[in-house]
C-alpha atoms as a PDB file:
ATOM      1  CA  MET A   1     -17.314  32.354   6.802  1.00  0.00           C
ATOM      2  CA  PHE A   2     -21.213  32.876   5.813  1.00  0.00           C
ATOM      3  CA  ASP A   3     -20.819  32.045   2.401  1.00  0.00           C
ATOM      4  CA  ARG A   4     -19.554  28.724   3.280  1.00  0.00           C
ATOM      5  CA  ASN A   5     -21.969  28.352   6.168  1.00  0.00           C
ATOM      6  CA  PHE A   6     -25.111  29.464   3.531  1.00  0.00           C
ATOM      7  CA  ALA A   7     -23.205  26.698   1.107  1.00  0.00           C
ATOM      8  CA  GLN A   8     -23.751  23.884   3.771  1.00  0.00           C
ATOM      9  CA  LEU A   9     -27.202  25.485   4.690  1.00  0.00           C
ATOM     10  CA  SER A  10     -28.365  25.742   1.180  1.00  0.00           C
ATOM     11  CA  ASN A  11     -27.388  21.995   0.566  1.00  0.00           C
ATOM     12  CA  PHE A  12     -29.447  20.906   3.826  1.00  0.00           C
ATOM     13  CA  TYR A  13     -32.278  22.960   2.143  1.00  0.00           C
ATOM     14  CA  THR A  14     -32.269  21.483  -1.238  1.00  0.00           C
ATOM     15  CA  GLU A  15     -31.277  17.615   0.105  1.00  0.00           C
ATOM     16  CA  THR A  16     -34.736  17.567   2.316  1.00  0.00           C
ATOM     17  CA  ARG A  17     -37.286  19.641   0.908  1.00  0.00           C
ATOM     18  CA  ASN A  18     -38.565  16.167   0.157  1.00  0.00           C
ATOM     19  CA  VAL A  19     -38.032  14.329   3.432  1.00  0.00           C
ATOM     20  CA  ILE A  20     -39.126  16.981   5.700  1.00  0.00           C
ATOM     21  CA  LYS A  21     -41.593  19.720   6.064  1.00  0.00           C
ATOM     22  CA  PRO A  22     -39.650  23.665   4.963  1.00  0.00           C
ATOM     23  CA  SER A  23     -37.461  25.189   7.270  1.00  0.00           C
ATOM     24  CA  SER A  24     -39.673  28.573   8.394  1.00  0.00           C
ATOM     25  CA  SER A  25     -36.550  31.179   8.055  1.00  0.00           C
ATOM     26  CA  GLU A  26     -34.915  29.484   4.615  1.00  0.00           C
ATOM     27  CA  GLN A  27     -36.603  32.324   2.806  1.00  0.00           C
ATOM     28  CA  THR A  28     -35.064  34.859   5.784  1.00  0.00           C
ATOM     29  CA  VAL A  29     -31.546  33.280   5.187  1.00  0.00           C
ATOM     30  CA  VAL A  30     -31.416  33.327   1.414  1.00  0.00           C
ATOM     31  CA  ALA A  31     -32.530  37.180   1.576  1.00  0.00           C
ATOM     32  CA  LEU A  32     -29.325  37.391   4.052  1.00  0.00           C
ATOM     33  CA  HIS A  33     -27.218  35.839   1.730  1.00  0.00           C
ATOM     34  CA  LEU A  34     -28.845  38.027  -1.249  1.00  0.00           C
ATOM     35  CA  MET A  35     -27.860  41.119   1.502  1.00  0.00           C
ATOM     36  CA  LYS A  36     -24.181  39.678   1.759  1.00  0.00           C
ATOM     37  CA  LEU A  37     -24.299  39.601  -2.206  1.00  0.00           C
ATOM     38  CA  LEU A  38     -25.492  43.581  -2.155  1.00  0.00           C
ATOM     39  CA  VAL A  39     -22.759  44.643   0.221  1.00  0.00           C
ATOM     40  CA  GLU A  40     -20.585  43.079  -1.524  1.00  0.00           C
ATOM     41  CA  ASN A  41     -21.239  44.359  -4.681  1.00  0.00           C
ATOM     42  CA  ARG A  42     -21.525  41.211  -6.560  1.00  0.00           C
ATOM     43  CA  ILE A  43     -24.775  41.969  -8.351  1.00  0.00           C
ATOM     44  CA  ALA A  44     -24.100  39.150 -11.028  1.00  0.00           C
ATOM     45  CA  GLU A  45     -24.490  36.809  -8.458  1.00  0.00           C
ATOM     46  CA  PHE A  46     -27.144  38.878  -6.958  1.00  0.00           C
ATOM     47  CA  HIS A  47     -29.338  38.324  -9.997  1.00  0.00           C
ATOM     48  CA  THR A  48     -28.057  34.585 -10.707  1.00  0.00           C
ATOM     49  CA  GLU A  49     -29.498  33.496  -6.667  1.00  0.00           C
ATOM     50  CA  LEU A  50     -32.836  35.428  -7.443  1.00  0.00           C
ATOM     51  CA  GLU A  51     -33.876  33.838 -10.191  1.00  0.00           C
ATOM     52  CA  LEU A  52     -32.806  30.377  -8.730  1.00  0.00           C
ATOM     53  CA  LEU A  53     -35.748  31.251  -6.278  1.00  0.00           C
ATOM     54  CA  PRO A  54     -39.196  29.966  -7.134  1.00  0.00           C
ATOM     55  CA  ALA A  55     -41.431  32.537  -7.962  1.00  0.00           C
ATOM     56  CA  GLU A  56     -43.677  32.497  -4.932  1.00  0.00           C
ATOM     57  CA  TRP A  57     -40.699  32.934  -2.860  1.00  0.00           C
ATOM     58  CA  HIS A  58     -40.507  36.794  -4.929  1.00  0.00           C
ATOM     59  CA  SER A  59     -43.211  37.663  -2.640  1.00  0.00           C
ATOM     60  CA  ASN A  60     -42.237  37.107   0.867  1.00  0.00           C
ATOM     61  CA  ASP A  61     -40.504  40.598   2.629  1.00  0.00           C
ATOM     62  CA  CYS A  62     -36.980  39.524   3.248  1.00  0.00           C
ATOM     63  CA  ILE A  63     -36.704  39.230  -0.136  1.00  0.00           C
ATOM     64  CA  LYS A  64     -38.768  41.696  -1.331  1.00  0.00           C
ATOM     65  CA  TYR A  65     -36.634  43.853   0.654  1.00  0.00           C
ATOM     66  CA  ALA A  66     -33.393  42.836  -0.764  1.00  0.00           C
ATOM     67  CA  VAL A  67     -34.258  43.413  -4.511  1.00  0.00           C
ATOM     68  CA  GLN A  68     -35.555  47.031  -3.670  1.00  0.00           C
ATOM     69  CA  LEU A  69     -32.822  47.644  -1.997  1.00  0.00           C
ATOM     70  CA  GLU A  70     -30.553  46.200  -5.374  1.00  0.00           C
ATOM     71  CA  LYS A  71     -32.807  48.583  -7.175  1.00  0.00           C
ATOM     72  CA  TYR A  72     -32.126  51.575  -5.275  1.00  0.00           C
ATOM     73  CA  LEU A  73     -28.155  50.627  -5.635  1.00  0.00           C
ATOM     74  CA  MET A  74     -28.867  50.344  -9.636  1.00  0.00           C
ATOM     75  CA  GLU A  75     -30.656  53.307  -9.976  1.00  0.00           C
ATOM     76  CA  GLY A  76     -27.815  55.566  -7.789  1.00  0.00           C
ATOM     77  CA  ALA A  77     -31.427  56.399  -5.234  1.00  0.00           C
ATOM     78  CA  TYR A  78     -28.578  56.366  -2.315  1.00  0.00           C
ATOM     79  CA  HIS A  79     -30.820  58.085  -0.232  1.00  0.00           C
ATOM     80  CA  LYS A  80     -33.399  55.980  -0.379  1.00  0.00           C
ATOM     81  CA  VAL A  81     -30.927  53.186   0.965  1.00  0.00           C
ATOM     82  CA  LEU A  82     -30.405  54.438   3.403  1.00  0.00           C
ATOM     83  CA  THR A  83     -33.352  55.604   5.023  1.00  0.00           C
ATOM     84  CA  SER A  84     -34.303  51.306   3.816  1.00  0.00           C
ATOM     85  CA  SER A  85     -32.300  51.008   6.867  1.00  0.00           C
ATOM     86  CA  SER A  86     -35.050  52.214   9.231  1.00  0.00           C
ATOM     87  CA  GLY A  87     -37.413  49.553   7.927  1.00  0.00           C
ATOM     88  CA  VAL A  88     -35.434  46.101   8.062  1.00  0.00           C
ATOM     89  CA  PRO A  89     -38.147  43.080   7.678  1.00  0.00           C
ATOM     90  CA  ASP A  90     -35.904  41.032  10.672  1.00  0.00           C
ATOM     91  CA  PRO A  91     -33.363  42.209  13.044  1.00  0.00           C
ATOM     92  CA  SER A  92     -30.850  39.683  11.027  1.00  0.00           C
ATOM     93  CA  PHE A  93     -30.721  42.140   8.610  1.00  0.00           C
ATOM     94  CA  ASN A  94     -29.460  45.296  10.784  1.00  0.00           C
ATOM     95  CA  TYR A  95     -25.811  43.686  10.414  1.00  0.00           C
ATOM     96  CA  PHE A  96     -25.337  44.202   6.873  1.00  0.00           C
ATOM     97  CA  MET A  97     -26.883  46.929   6.215  1.00  0.00           C
ATOM     98  CA  GLN A  98     -24.601  48.927   8.513  1.00  0.00           C
ATOM     99  CA  SER A  99     -22.183  47.554   5.795  1.00  0.00           C
ATOM    100  CA  LEU A 100     -24.598  48.544   3.424  1.00  0.00           C
ATOM    101  CA  THR A 101     -24.825  52.391   5.244  1.00  0.00           C
ATOM    102  CA  GLN A 102     -21.192  52.361   5.377  1.00  0.00           C
ATOM    103  CA  THR A 103     -20.344  51.519   1.553  1.00  0.00           C
ATOM    104  CA  VAL A 104     -23.049  53.878   0.290  1.00  0.00           C
ATOM    105  CA  ARG A 105     -21.860  56.792   2.568  1.00  0.00           C
ATOM    106  CA  ASP A 106     -18.587  56.060   0.929  1.00  0.00           C
ATOM    107  CA  GLU A 107     -19.899  56.564  -2.285  1.00  0.00           C
ATOM    108  CA  ILE A 108     -21.775  59.770  -1.451  1.00  0.00           C
ATOM    109  CA  ALA A 109     -18.381  61.157  -0.773  1.00  0.00           C
ATOM    110  CA  ASN A 110     -15.960  60.164  -3.634  1.00  0.00           C
ATOM    111  CA  CYS A 111     -18.815  61.997  -5.487  1.00  0.00           C
ATOM    112  CA  SER A 112     -18.985  65.156  -3.257  1.00  0.00           C
ATOM    113  CA  GLU A 113     -14.852  65.216  -3.532  1.00  0.00           C
ATOM    114  CA  LYS A 114     -15.130  64.898  -7.441  1.00  0.00           C
ATOM    115  CA  ALA A 115     -17.982  67.265  -7.514  1.00  0.00           C
ATOM    116  CA  TYR A 116     -17.269  70.297  -4.926  1.00  0.00           C
ATOM    117  CA  LYS A 117     -14.386  71.578  -3.548  1.00  0.00           C
ATOM    118  CA  SER A 118     -16.010  72.159  -0.580  1.00  0.00           C
ATOM    119  CA  LEU A 119     -19.670  71.994   1.007  1.00  0.00           C
ATOM    120  CA  LYS A 120     -21.339  73.000   4.069  1.00  0.00           C
ATOM    121  CA  LEU A 121     -21.206  70.844   6.853  1.00  0.00           C
ATOM    122  CA  SER A 122     -25.427  70.807   7.517  1.00  0.00           C
ATOM    123  CA  ASP A 123     -25.399  69.618   3.624  1.00  0.00           C
ATOM    124  CA  ALA A 124     -23.406  67.045   4.081  1.00  0.00           C
ATOM    125  CA  LYS A 125     -25.133  66.239   7.358  1.00  0.00           C
ATOM    126  CA  GLU A 126     -27.929  65.689   4.892  1.00  0.00           C
ATOM    127  CA  MET A 127     -26.650  63.792   2.006  1.00  0.00           C
ATOM    128  CA  MET A 128     -25.613  61.155   3.693  1.00  0.00           C
ATOM    129  CA  LEU A 129     -28.113  60.975   6.319  1.00  0.00           C
ATOM    130  CA  PHE A 130     -25.709  61.586   9.676  1.00  0.00           C
ATOM    131  CA  GLY A 131     -27.531  62.496  12.534  1.00  0.00           C
ATOM    132  CA  SER A 132     -25.246  65.417  13.068  1.00  0.00           C
ATOM    133  CA  GLU A 133     -23.190  67.749  12.511  1.00  0.00           C
ATOM    134  CA  GLU A 134     -19.955  65.902  15.160  1.00  0.00           C
ATOM    135  CA  GLU A 135     -20.663  62.694  13.154  1.00  0.00           C
ATOM    136  CA  VAL A 136     -19.844  64.628   9.919  1.00  0.00           C
ATOM    137  CA  ARG A 137     -17.251  65.937  11.652  1.00  0.00           C
ATOM    138  CA  ARG A 138     -15.648  62.636  13.098  1.00  0.00           C
ATOM    139  CA  TYR A 139     -16.343  61.304   9.259  1.00  0.00           C
ATOM    140  CA  ALA A 140     -14.298  64.065   7.780  1.00  0.00           C
ATOM    141  CA  ALA A 141     -11.149  63.556   9.582  1.00  0.00           C
ATOM    142  CA  GLU A 142     -11.256  59.941   8.763  1.00  0.00           C
ATOM    143  CA  ARG A 143     -11.458  60.968   5.414  1.00  0.00           C
ATOM    144  CA  GLY A 144      -8.671  63.798   5.630  1.00  0.00           C
ATOM    145  CA  TRP A 145     -10.981  66.839   5.398  1.00  0.00           C
ATOM    146  CA  ALA A 146     -10.594  69.898   6.383  1.00  0.00           C
ATOM    147  CA  VAL A 147     -13.127  71.555   8.407  1.00  0.00           C
ATOM    148  CA  GLU A 148     -13.518  75.056   8.209  1.00  0.00           C
ATOM    149  CA  ASN A 149     -15.730  78.082   9.136  1.00  0.00           C
ATOM    150  CA  GLY A 150     -18.842  75.205   9.047  1.00  0.00           C
ATOM    151  CA  ARG A 151     -17.580  73.835   5.683  1.00  0.00           C
ATOM    152  CA  LEU A 152     -15.832  70.609   4.536  1.00  0.00           C
ATOM    153  CA  VAL A 153     -12.983  71.481   2.250  1.00  0.00           C
ATOM    154  CA  PHE A 154     -11.896  68.433   0.114  1.00  0.00           C
ATOM    155  CA  SER A 155      -8.017  67.811   0.129  1.00  0.00           C
ATOM    156  CA  ASP A 156      -8.264  65.596  -2.354  1.00  0.00           C
ATOM    157  CA  ARG A 157      -6.738  68.166  -5.463  1.00  0.00           C
ATOM    158  CA  ALA A 158      -4.128  65.355  -6.427  1.00  0.00           C
ATOM    159  CA  SER A 159      -6.262  63.759  -9.006  1.00  0.00           C
ATOM    160  CA  GLU A 160      -7.139  67.014  -9.768  1.00  0.00           C
ATOM    161  CA  ALA A 161      -3.772  67.715 -10.898  1.00  0.00           C
ATOM    162  CA  ALA A 162      -3.203  64.365 -12.494  1.00  0.00           C
ATOM    163  CA  CYS A 163      -5.765  65.280 -15.154  1.00  0.00           C
ATOM    164  CA  ARG A 164      -4.094  68.238 -15.904  1.00  0.00           C
ATOM    165  CA  GLU A 165      -0.923  66.221 -16.427  1.00  0.00           C
ATOM    166  CA  VAL A 166      -2.700  64.121 -19.517  1.00  0.00           C
ATOM    167  CA  PRO A 167      -0.873  64.763 -22.159  1.00  0.00           C
ATOM    168  CA  SER A 168      -4.239  65.477 -24.804  1.00  0.00           C
ATOM    169  CA  LEU A 169      -2.805  66.172 -27.603  1.00  0.00           C
ATOM    170  CA  GLU A 170      -0.002  63.488 -27.872  1.00  0.00           C
ATOM    171  CA  LEU A 171      -2.682  61.203 -26.923  1.00  0.00           C
ATOM    172  CA  ILE A 172      -4.632  62.719 -29.926  1.00  0.00           C
ATOM    173  CA  ASN A 173      -1.719  62.364 -32.447  1.00  0.00           C
ATOM    174  CA  TYR A 174      -0.782  58.797 -31.697  1.00  0.00           C
ATOM    175  CA  THR A 175      -4.687  57.331 -31.916  1.00  0.00           C
ATOM    176  CA  LEU A 176      -5.078  59.676 -35.450  1.00  0.00           C
ATOM    177  CA  THR A 177      -1.721  57.941 -36.043  1.00  0.00           C
ATOM    178  CA  TYR A 178      -2.719  54.483 -35.455  1.00  0.00           C
ATOM    179  CA  ALA A 179      -6.058  55.044 -37.408  1.00  0.00           C
ATOM    180  CA  LYS A 180      -4.562  56.355 -40.175  1.00  0.00           C
ATOM    181  CA  GLU A 181      -1.943  52.724 -40.501  1.00  0.00           C
ATOM    182  CA  LEU A 182      -5.520  50.878 -39.753  1.00  0.00           C
ATOM    183  CA  GLU A 183      -6.893  52.113 -43.069  1.00  0.00           C
ATOM    184  CA  ARG A 184      -4.049  51.735 -45.425  1.00  0.00           C
ATOM    185  CA  ILE A 185      -3.647  48.369 -44.399  1.00  0.00           C
ATOM    186  CA  VAL A 186      -7.351  47.450 -45.300  1.00  0.00           C
END
């Protein structure tokens, strides 16, 4: 619905640009659209929209904020994304920041599951910028993690078993046979 409304408003802004005075909220609305693209991980569209903006708009605080968040996401600086939620340039950004914060926390959680067998609650609280260990416990329950002796114990060991089941030698043999056949054809 936001996309449809933005498209209609964008057409209005474009068609009336030379007829009436530009809206004071146009750049904020465009920045909100950029934020939505970030939340939905539509990075290519984000860059396309950014390139279509007039150069002088790039100095607008709202647009700079969206660009900075995209930079943090591309760098993998998730902690900076999470801490940026306290400095939104306009209150209307809070909705998208909540969604982006959840997305980033989920990404950190996915990486933590793969990297660790267990993790101290205090470390998880710090990594994911939760306000309390109780919030970490609730989040852990949502994800199906166990909490034992003040540690999160990750239950995603099914993927570990699946990794062990990959028939590596068989795949190598098929690949070598395929390469030999290609070489013979050429």
